[in-house]
C-alpha atoms as a PDB file:
ATOM      1  CA  MET A   1       0.000   0.000   0.000  1.00  0.00           C
ATOM      2  CA  PRO A   2       1.355   3.488  -0.828  1.00  0.00           C
ATOM      3  CA  ASP A   3       2.316   5.938   1.922  1.00  0.00           C
ATOM      4  CA  ILE A   4       0.478   9.191   2.645  1.00  0.00           C
ATOM      5  CA  VAL A   5       2.462  11.255   0.107  1.00  0.00           C
ATOM      6  CA  ASP A   6       2.146   8.712  -2.723  1.00  0.00           C
ATOM      7  CA  THR A   7      -1.560   8.275  -1.974  1.00  0.00           C
ATOM      8  CA  ALA A   8      -2.071  12.054  -2.220  1.00  0.00           C
ATOM      9  CA  VAL A   9      -0.054  12.265  -5.456  1.00  0.00           C
ATOM     10  CA  SER A  10      -1.969   9.430  -7.127  1.00  0.00           C
ATOM     11  CA  ALA A  11      -5.354  10.895  -6.115  1.00  0.00           C
ATOM     12  CA  GLY A  12      -4.682  13.863  -8.425  1.00  0.00           C
ATOM     13  CA  SER A  13      -6.746  16.357  -6.387  1.00  0.00           C
ATOM     14  CA  PHE A  14      -3.968  17.383  -3.995  1.00  0.00           C
ATOM     15  CA  ASN A  15      -1.463  19.057  -6.334  1.00  0.00           C
ATOM     16  CA  THR A  16      -1.258  22.224  -4.213  1.00  0.00           C
ATOM     17  CA  LEU A  17      -0.907  20.260  -0.976  1.00  0.00           C
ATOM     18  CA  VAL A  18       1.828  18.062  -2.455  1.00  0.00           C
ATOM     19  CA  ALA A  19       3.685  21.125  -3.808  1.00  0.00           C
ATOM     20  CA  ALA A  20       3.465  22.742  -0.364  1.00  0.00           C
ATOM     21  CA  VAL A  21       4.690  19.584   1.389  1.00  0.00           C
ATOM     22  CA  LYS A  22       7.655  19.469  -1.012  1.00  0.00           C
ATOM     23  CA  ALA A  23       8.420  23.189  -0.509  1.00  0.00           C
ATOM     24  CA  ALA A  24       8.374  22.735   3.285  1.00  0.00           C
ATOM     25  CA  ASN A  25      10.661  19.677   3.085  1.00  0.00           C
ATOM     26  CA  LEU A  26       8.050  17.495   4.785  1.00  0.00           C
ATOM     27  CA  VAL A  27       8.019  14.697   2.180  1.00  0.00           C
ATOM     28  CA  ASP A  28      10.463  12.468   4.091  1.00  0.00           C
ATOM     29  CA  THR A  29       8.528  13.034   7.321  1.00  0.00           C
ATOM     30  CA  LEU A  30       5.187  12.081   5.764  1.00  0.00           C
ATOM     31  CA  LYS A  31       6.815   9.083   4.079  1.00  0.00           C
ATOM     32  CA  GLY A  32       8.140   8.011   7.499  1.00  0.00           C
ATOM     33  CA  ALA A  33       6.869   5.192   9.676  1.00  0.00           C
ATOM     34  CA  GLY A  34       4.142   7.263  11.309  1.00  0.00           C
ATOM     35  CA  PRO A  35       1.402   6.492  11.780  1.00  0.00           C
ATOM     36  CA  PHE A  36      -0.087   9.864  10.874  1.00  0.00           C
ATOM     37  CA  THR A  37      -3.591  11.193  10.431  1.00  0.00           C
ATOM     38  CA  VAL A  38      -3.665  13.902   7.771  1.00  0.00           C
ATOM     39  CA  PHE A  39      -6.584  16.256   7.224  1.00  0.00           C
ATOM     40  CA  ALA A  40      -5.869  16.884   3.545  1.00  0.00           C
ATOM     41  CA  PRO A  41      -7.308  19.973   1.833  1.00  0.00           C
ATOM     42  CA  THR A  42      -8.079  19.516  -1.856  1.00  0.00           C
ATOM     43  CA  ASP A  43      -6.894  21.852  -4.608  1.00  0.00           C
ATOM     44  CA  GLU A  44     -10.384  23.418  -4.451  1.00  0.00           C
ATOM     45  CA  ALA A  45      -9.859  24.120  -0.727  1.00  0.00           C
ATOM     46  CA  PHE A  46      -6.600  25.944  -1.473  1.00  0.00           C
ATOM     47  CA  ALA A  47      -8.362  27.850  -4.280  1.00  0.00           C
ATOM     48  CA  LYS A  48     -10.804  29.283  -1.679  1.00  0.00           C
ATOM     49  CA  LEU A  49      -7.918  31.134   0.036  1.00  0.00           C
ATOM     50  CA  PRO A  50      -7.502  34.821  -0.868  1.00  0.00           C
ATOM     51  CA  ALA A  51      -5.614  35.431  -4.110  1.00  0.00           C
ATOM     52  CA  GLY A  52      -1.852  35.223  -3.672  1.00  0.00           C
ATOM     53  CA  THR A  53      -2.001  33.357  -0.346  1.00  0.00           C
ATOM     54  CA  VAL A  54      -0.520  30.110  -1.642  1.00  0.00           C
ATOM     55  CA  ASP A  55       2.286  31.917  -3.474  1.00  0.00           C
ATOM     56  CA  SER A  56       3.160  33.959  -0.377  1.00  0.00           C
ATOM     57  CA  LEU A  57       3.151  30.808   1.786  1.00  0.00           C
ATOM     58  CA  LEU A  58       5.505  29.081  -0.637  1.00  0.00           C
ATOM     59  CA  GLN A  59       7.906  31.992   0.018  1.00  0.00           C
ATOM     60  CA  ASP A  60       7.494  31.788   3.832  1.00  0.00           C
ATOM     61  CA  ILE A  61       8.605  28.250   4.683  1.00  0.00           C
ATOM     62  CA  PRO A  62       8.302  28.607   8.507  1.00  0.00           C
ATOM     63  CA  LYS A  63       4.674  29.782   8.186  1.00  0.00           C
ATOM     64  CA  LEU A  64       3.952  27.138   5.529  1.00  0.00           C
ATOM     65  CA  THR A  65       5.392  24.423   7.792  1.00  0.00           C
ATOM     66  CA  LYS A  66       3.260  25.663  10.707  1.00  0.00           C
ATOM     67  CA  ILE A  67       0.099  25.474   8.570  1.00  0.00           C
ATOM     68  CA  LEU A  68       0.928  22.062   7.100  1.00  0.00           C
ATOM     69  CA  THR A  69       1.793  20.468  10.463  1.00  0.00           C
ATOM     70  CA  TYR A  70      -1.522  21.857  11.771  1.00  0.00           C
ATOM     71  CA  HIS A  71      -3.182  19.399   9.351  1.00  0.00           C
ATOM     72  CA  VAL A  72      -1.413  16.373  10.897  1.00  0.00           C
ATOM     73  CA  VAL A  73      -2.311  14.470  14.059  1.00  0.00           C
ATOM     74  CA  PRO A  74       0.069  11.828  15.410  1.00  0.00           C
ATOM     75  CA  GLY A  75      -1.290   8.295  15.264  1.00  0.00           C
ATOM     76  CA  LYS A  76      -3.875   6.650  13.049  1.00  0.00           C
ATOM     77  CA  VAL A  77      -7.248   8.195  13.927  1.00  0.00           C
ATOM     78  CA  LEU A  78     -10.016   6.586  11.889  1.00  0.00           C
ATOM     79  CA  SER A  79     -13.459   8.153  11.474  1.00  0.00           C
ATOM     80  CA  THR A  80     -14.869   5.784  14.103  1.00  0.00           C
ATOM     81  CA  ASP A  81     -12.412   7.391  16.567  1.00  0.00           C
ATOM     82  CA  VAL A  82     -12.760  10.974  15.279  1.00  0.00           C
ATOM     83  CA  VAL A  83     -16.495  11.062  16.056  1.00  0.00           C
ATOM     84  CA  LYS A  84     -15.713  10.427  19.747  1.00  0.00           C
ATOM     85  CA  LEU A  85     -13.396  13.461  19.992  1.00  0.00           C
ATOM     86  CA  THR A  86     -14.044  17.144  20.646  1.00  0.00           C
ATOM     87  CA  SER A  87     -10.480  18.166  19.812  1.00  0.00           C
ATOM     88  CA  ALA A  88      -7.170  16.703  18.658  1.00  0.00           C
ATOM     89  CA  LYS A  89      -3.611  17.887  19.264  1.00  0.00           C
ATOM     90  CA  THR A  90      -1.740  18.473  15.999  1.00  0.00           C
ATOM     91  CA  VAL A  91       1.932  18.009  15.159  1.00  0.00           C
ATOM     92  CA  GLU A  92       2.102  21.835  14.995  1.00  0.00           C
ATOM     93  CA  GLY A  93       1.383  21.856  18.741  1.00  0.00           C
ATOM     94  CA  SER A  94      -2.064  23.400  19.010  1.00  0.00           C
ATOM     95  CA  GLU A  95      -5.437  21.687  18.858  1.00  0.00           C
ATOM     96  CA  VAL A  96      -8.104  21.489  16.189  1.00  0.00           C
ATOM     97  CA  LYS A  97     -11.780  21.414  17.180  1.00  0.00           C
ATOM     98  CA  VAL A  98     -13.722  18.303  16.187  1.00  0.00           C
ATOM     99  CA  ASP A  99     -17.510  18.474  15.774  1.00  0.00           C
ATOM    100  CA  ALA A 100     -19.288  15.275  14.785  1.00  0.00           C
ATOM    101  CA  SER A 101     -22.832  16.468  15.504  1.00  0.00           C
ATOM    102  CA  SER A 102     -23.729  16.752  11.806  1.00  0.00           C
ATOM    103  CA  GLY A 103     -21.154  15.036   9.630  1.00  0.00           C
ATOM    104  CA  VAL A 104     -17.612  15.754  10.782  1.00  0.00           C
ATOM    105  CA  LYS A 105     -16.045  19.194  10.940  1.00  0.00           C
ATOM    106  CA  ILE A 106     -12.443  19.956  11.823  1.00  0.00           C
ATOM    107  CA  ASN A 107     -12.529  23.628  12.885  1.00  0.00           C
ATOM    108  CA  ASP A 108     -14.470  25.126   9.936  1.00  0.00           C
ATOM    109  CA  ALA A 109     -13.553  22.402   7.436  1.00  0.00           C
ATOM    110  CA  THR A 110     -15.929  19.591   6.524  1.00  0.00           C
ATOM    111  CA  VAL A 111     -14.551  16.084   6.104  1.00  0.00           C
ATOM    112  CA  THR A 112     -15.781  15.160   2.622  1.00  0.00           C
ATOM    113  CA  THR A 113     -14.114  11.734   2.432  1.00  0.00           C
ATOM    114  CA  PRO A 114     -12.961   9.945   5.594  1.00  0.00           C
ATOM    115  CA  ASP A 115     -10.584   7.019   6.048  1.00  0.00           C
ATOM    116  CA  VAL A 116      -8.454   7.040   2.884  1.00  0.00           C
ATOM    117  CA  ALA A 117      -6.008   4.299   3.840  1.00  0.00           C
ATOM    118  CA  ALA A 118      -2.265   4.713   3.484  1.00  0.00           C
ATOM    119  CA  ASP A 119       0.597   2.451   4.514  1.00  0.00           C
ATOM    120  CA  ASN A 120       1.692   4.823   7.285  1.00  0.00           C
ATOM    121  CA  GLY A 121      -1.627   6.259   8.426  1.00  0.00           C
ATOM    122  CA  VAL A 122      -4.911   7.626   7.194  1.00  0.00           C
ATOM    123  CA  ILE A 123      -6.098  10.645   5.207  1.00  0.00           C
ATOM    124  CA  HIS A 124      -9.376  12.474   5.788  1.00  0.00           C
ATOM    125  CA  ILE A 125     -10.164  14.765   2.851  1.00  0.00           C
ATOM    126  CA  ILE A 126     -11.372  18.246   3.865  1.00  0.00           C
ATOM    127  CA  ASP A 127     -12.885  21.146   1.916  1.00  0.00           C
ATOM    128  CA  THR A 128     -11.095  24.059   3.663  1.00  0.00           C
ATOM    129  CA  VAL A 129      -7.468  24.800   4.556  1.00  0.00           C
ATOM    130  CA  LEU A 130      -6.958  24.824   8.334  1.00  0.00           C
ATOM    131  CA  ILE A 131      -5.156  27.937   9.612  1.00  0.00           C
ATOM    132  CA  PRO A 132      -3.738  27.848  13.155  1.00  0.00           C
ATOM    133  CA  ALA A 133      -4.521  30.801  15.453  1.00  0.00           C
END
């Protein structure tokens, strides 16, 4: 089974996320043993950001790394586990809010596809980029 990065690449709807992961030198980390849970914003989610945001983030690697690691939770947290949580601590260090009262929301992002299996964890596809406070 492919790892998280290869799974995202082959899906074809995470080109911006993959480019950002490469720019932040996080490929080796996300290809590591893990396990990791990644809340993965689609290209459409990145397109909802204000014009120029992605380009400016690609020039600010510390800020980009902070945002990307805010999308990763240590361990393999499947949807059956996510619905029992009210928050989750991210690799970035702060917590995301989890609301499973009507579908699943991570902060203001909706999980559109849960439990995409990868060799070193799981991906939950989200419709909005998560921005730490």
